[in-house]
């Protein structure tokens, strides 16, 4: 059975990892775009969905323990 502690740790981990990955992609992409490198948009646009996908993968890992 999954405990409340594990759910709390999942939320904290997903938030931190998602923020770091999404923020880094956004930051590097915006730096590239501001320097005139339009390929930087390939980092900016998927920044938030990639961060969310990492949280989703962590949640699936925890859900497997229920079975």
N, C-alpha and C. Protein backbone atom coordinates (compact mmCIF):
# COMPACT_ATOMS: atom_id res chain seq x y z
N UNK A 1 0.83 -1.18 0.00
CA UNK A 1 0.00 0.00 0.00
C UNK A 1 0.89 1.25 0.00
N UNK A 2 0.49 2.22 -0.76
CA UNK A 2 1.23 3.48 -0.85
C UNK A 2 0.84 4.35 0.34
N UNK A 3 1.84 4.89 1.00
CA UNK A 3 1.58 5.72 2.17
C UNK A 3 1.48 7.20 1.78
N UNK A 4 1.01 7.98 2.72
CA UNK A 4 0.90 9.43 2.47
C UNK A 4 2.27 10.05 2.27
N UNK A 5 3.26 9.49 2.94
CA UNK A 5 4.63 10.01 2.81
C UNK A 5 5.13 9.83 1.37
N UNK A 6 4.86 8.69 0.78
CA UNK A 6 5.30 8.44 -0.59
C UNK A 6 4.59 9.36 -1.59
N UNK A 7 3.34 9.64 -1.35
CA UNK A 7 2.60 10.56 -2.22
C UNK A 7 3.16 11.98 -2.09
N UNK A 8 3.49 12.37 -0.88
CA UNK A 8 4.09 13.69 -0.66
C UNK A 8 5.44 13.80 -1.35
N UNK A 9 6.27 12.78 -1.20
CA UNK A 9 7.58 12.77 -1.85
C UNK A 9 7.43 12.79 -3.36
N UNK A 10 6.44 12.07 -3.89
CA UNK A 10 6.17 12.08 -5.33
C UNK A 10 5.84 13.49 -5.80
N UNK A 11 4.98 14.17 -5.09
CA UNK A 11 4.61 15.54 -5.47
C UNK A 11 5.79 16.49 -5.43
N UNK A 12 6.58 16.39 -4.39
CA UNK A 12 7.75 17.26 -4.27
C UNK A 12 8.78 16.95 -5.37
N UNK A 13 9.02 15.67 -5.60
CA UNK A 13 10.00 15.29 -6.62
C UNK A 13 9.53 15.71 -8.01
N UNK A 14 8.27 15.46 -8.32
CA UNK A 14 7.75 15.84 -9.63
C UNK A 14 7.80 17.35 -9.83
N UNK A 15 7.48 18.09 -8.79
CA UNK A 15 7.53 19.55 -8.89
C UNK A 15 8.94 20.07 -9.10
N UNK A 16 9.88 19.55 -8.35
CA UNK A 16 11.27 20.02 -8.46
C UNK A 16 11.87 19.62 -9.80
N UNK A 17 11.72 18.36 -10.17
CA UNK A 17 12.31 17.89 -11.43
C UNK A 17 11.65 18.59 -12.62
N UNK A 18 10.33 18.71 -12.59
CA UNK A 18 9.64 19.38 -13.68
C UNK A 18 10.03 20.84 -13.81
N UNK A 19 10.16 21.51 -12.68
CA UNK A 19 10.56 22.92 -12.72
C UNK A 19 11.99 23.09 -13.23
N UNK A 20 12.88 22.23 -12.79
CA UNK A 20 14.27 22.34 -13.25
C UNK A 20 14.40 22.07 -14.74
N UNK A 21 13.80 20.99 -15.19
CA UNK A 21 13.93 20.64 -16.61
C UNK A 21 13.22 21.66 -17.49
N UNK A 22 11.98 21.99 -17.15
CA UNK A 22 11.24 22.97 -17.93
C UNK A 22 11.88 24.34 -17.90
N UNK A 23 12.37 24.75 -16.74
CA UNK A 23 13.02 26.04 -16.61
C UNK A 23 14.32 26.13 -17.39
N UNK A 24 15.10 25.06 -17.36
CA UNK A 24 16.35 25.05 -18.13
C UNK A 24 16.07 25.10 -19.62
N UNK A 25 15.08 24.33 -20.07
CA UNK A 25 14.75 24.36 -21.50
C UNK A 25 14.27 25.75 -21.90
N UNK A 26 13.42 26.34 -21.07
CA UNK A 26 12.92 27.68 -21.36
C UNK A 26 14.06 28.70 -21.37
N UNK A 27 14.93 28.64 -20.39
CA UNK A 27 16.03 29.59 -20.30
C UNK A 27 17.00 29.49 -21.46
N UNK A 28 17.44 28.27 -21.76
CA UNK A 28 18.39 28.10 -22.87
C UNK A 28 17.74 28.46 -24.20
N UNK A 29 16.47 28.12 -24.35
CA UNK A 29 15.78 28.46 -25.60
C UNK A 29 15.63 29.96 -25.79
N UNK A 30 15.27 30.67 -24.72
CA UNK A 30 15.12 32.11 -24.83
C UNK A 30 16.45 32.81 -25.06
N UNK A 31 17.51 32.28 -24.46
CA UNK A 31 18.84 32.84 -24.73
C UNK A 31 19.18 32.67 -26.20
N UNK A 32 18.91 31.50 -26.74
CA UNK A 32 19.21 31.26 -28.16
C UNK A 32 18.38 32.16 -29.06
N UNK A 33 17.09 32.31 -28.74
CA UNK A 33 16.22 33.16 -29.57
C UNK A 33 16.67 34.61 -29.49
N UNK A 34 17.06 35.07 -28.31
CA UNK A 34 17.50 36.46 -28.18
C UNK A 34 18.81 36.72 -28.92
N UNK A 35 19.59 35.66 -29.15
CA UNK A 35 20.84 35.80 -29.91
C UNK A 35 20.61 35.66 -31.41
N UNK A 36 19.35 35.45 -31.80
CA UNK A 36 19.03 35.35 -33.22
C UNK A 36 19.02 33.93 -33.76
N UNK A 37 19.13 32.94 -32.87
CA UNK A 37 19.11 31.54 -33.30
C UNK A 37 17.68 31.03 -33.14
N UNK A 38 16.98 30.96 -34.26
CA UNK A 38 15.56 30.62 -34.19
C UNK A 38 15.31 29.16 -33.84
N UNK A 39 16.32 28.33 -33.88
CA UNK A 39 16.16 26.93 -33.44
C UNK A 39 15.91 26.85 -31.93
N UNK A 40 16.14 27.95 -31.22
CA UNK A 40 15.87 27.98 -29.79
C UNK A 40 14.40 27.78 -29.46
N UNK A 41 13.52 28.07 -30.41
CA UNK A 41 12.09 27.83 -30.18
C UNK A 41 11.81 26.36 -29.98
N UNK A 42 12.68 25.49 -30.52
CA UNK A 42 12.50 24.05 -30.31
C UNK A 42 12.75 23.65 -28.86
N UNK A 43 13.40 24.50 -28.11
CA UNK A 43 13.58 24.27 -26.67
C UNK A 43 12.49 24.97 -25.86
N UNK A 44 12.08 26.14 -26.31
CA UNK A 44 11.11 26.93 -25.54
C UNK A 44 9.73 26.28 -25.54
N UNK A 45 9.25 25.91 -26.70
CA UNK A 45 7.87 25.45 -26.82
C UNK A 45 7.56 24.15 -26.06
N UNK A 46 8.41 23.13 -26.10
CA UNK A 46 8.07 21.91 -25.36
C UNK A 46 8.55 21.90 -23.91
N UNK A 47 8.99 23.02 -23.38
CA UNK A 47 9.53 23.06 -22.02
C UNK A 47 8.55 22.61 -20.96
N UNK A 48 7.34 23.16 -20.97
CA UNK A 48 6.34 22.80 -19.96
C UNK A 48 5.82 21.38 -20.13
N UNK A 49 5.49 20.93 -21.34
CA UNK A 49 5.02 19.54 -21.47
C UNK A 49 6.07 18.50 -21.06
N UNK A 50 7.34 18.77 -21.33
CA UNK A 50 8.39 17.82 -20.93
C UNK A 50 8.46 17.74 -19.41
N UNK A 51 8.37 18.88 -18.74
CA UNK A 51 8.36 18.88 -17.27
C UNK A 51 7.18 18.11 -16.72
N UNK A 52 6.01 18.26 -17.34
CA UNK A 52 4.83 17.54 -16.90
C UNK A 52 4.94 16.04 -17.16
N UNK A 53 5.56 15.67 -18.26
CA UNK A 53 5.72 14.24 -18.57
C UNK A 53 6.62 13.55 -17.55
N UNK A 54 7.61 14.26 -17.05
CA UNK A 54 8.47 13.66 -16.02
C UNK A 54 7.67 13.37 -14.75
N UNK A 55 6.80 14.29 -14.37
CA UNK A 55 5.94 14.05 -13.22
C UNK A 55 5.00 12.88 -13.45
N UNK A 56 4.48 12.77 -14.66
CA UNK A 56 3.60 11.66 -15.01
C UNK A 56 4.33 10.32 -14.91
N UNK A 57 5.56 10.28 -15.40
CA UNK A 57 6.34 9.05 -15.33
C UNK A 57 6.64 8.65 -13.88
N UNK A 58 6.92 9.64 -13.04
CA UNK A 58 7.15 9.34 -11.63
C UNK A 58 5.87 8.80 -10.97
N UNK A 59 4.72 9.35 -11.33
CA UNK A 59 3.45 8.87 -10.78
C UNK A 59 3.15 7.45 -11.23
N UNK A 60 3.45 7.13 -12.48
CA UNK A 60 3.22 5.76 -12.96
C UNK A 60 4.11 4.77 -12.22
N UNK A 61 5.32 5.18 -11.91
CA UNK A 61 6.23 4.31 -11.15
C UNK A 61 5.65 4.01 -9.77
N UNK A 62 5.08 5.02 -9.15
CA UNK A 62 4.47 4.81 -7.83
C UNK A 62 3.20 3.98 -7.95
N UNK A 63 2.43 4.18 -9.00
CA UNK A 63 1.18 3.43 -9.17
C UNK A 63 1.43 1.94 -9.40
N UNK A 64 2.56 1.59 -9.99
CA UNK A 64 2.89 0.18 -10.20
C UNK A 64 3.05 -0.56 -8.87
N UNK A 65 3.41 0.18 -7.84
CA UNK A 65 3.59 -0.44 -6.53
C UNK A 65 2.25 -0.83 -5.90
N UNK A 66 1.16 -0.25 -6.37
CA UNK A 66 -0.16 -0.59 -5.84
C UNK A 66 -0.60 -1.99 -6.26
N UNK A 67 -0.14 -2.43 -7.39
CA UNK A 67 -0.58 -3.72 -7.92
C UNK A 67 0.22 -4.85 -7.36
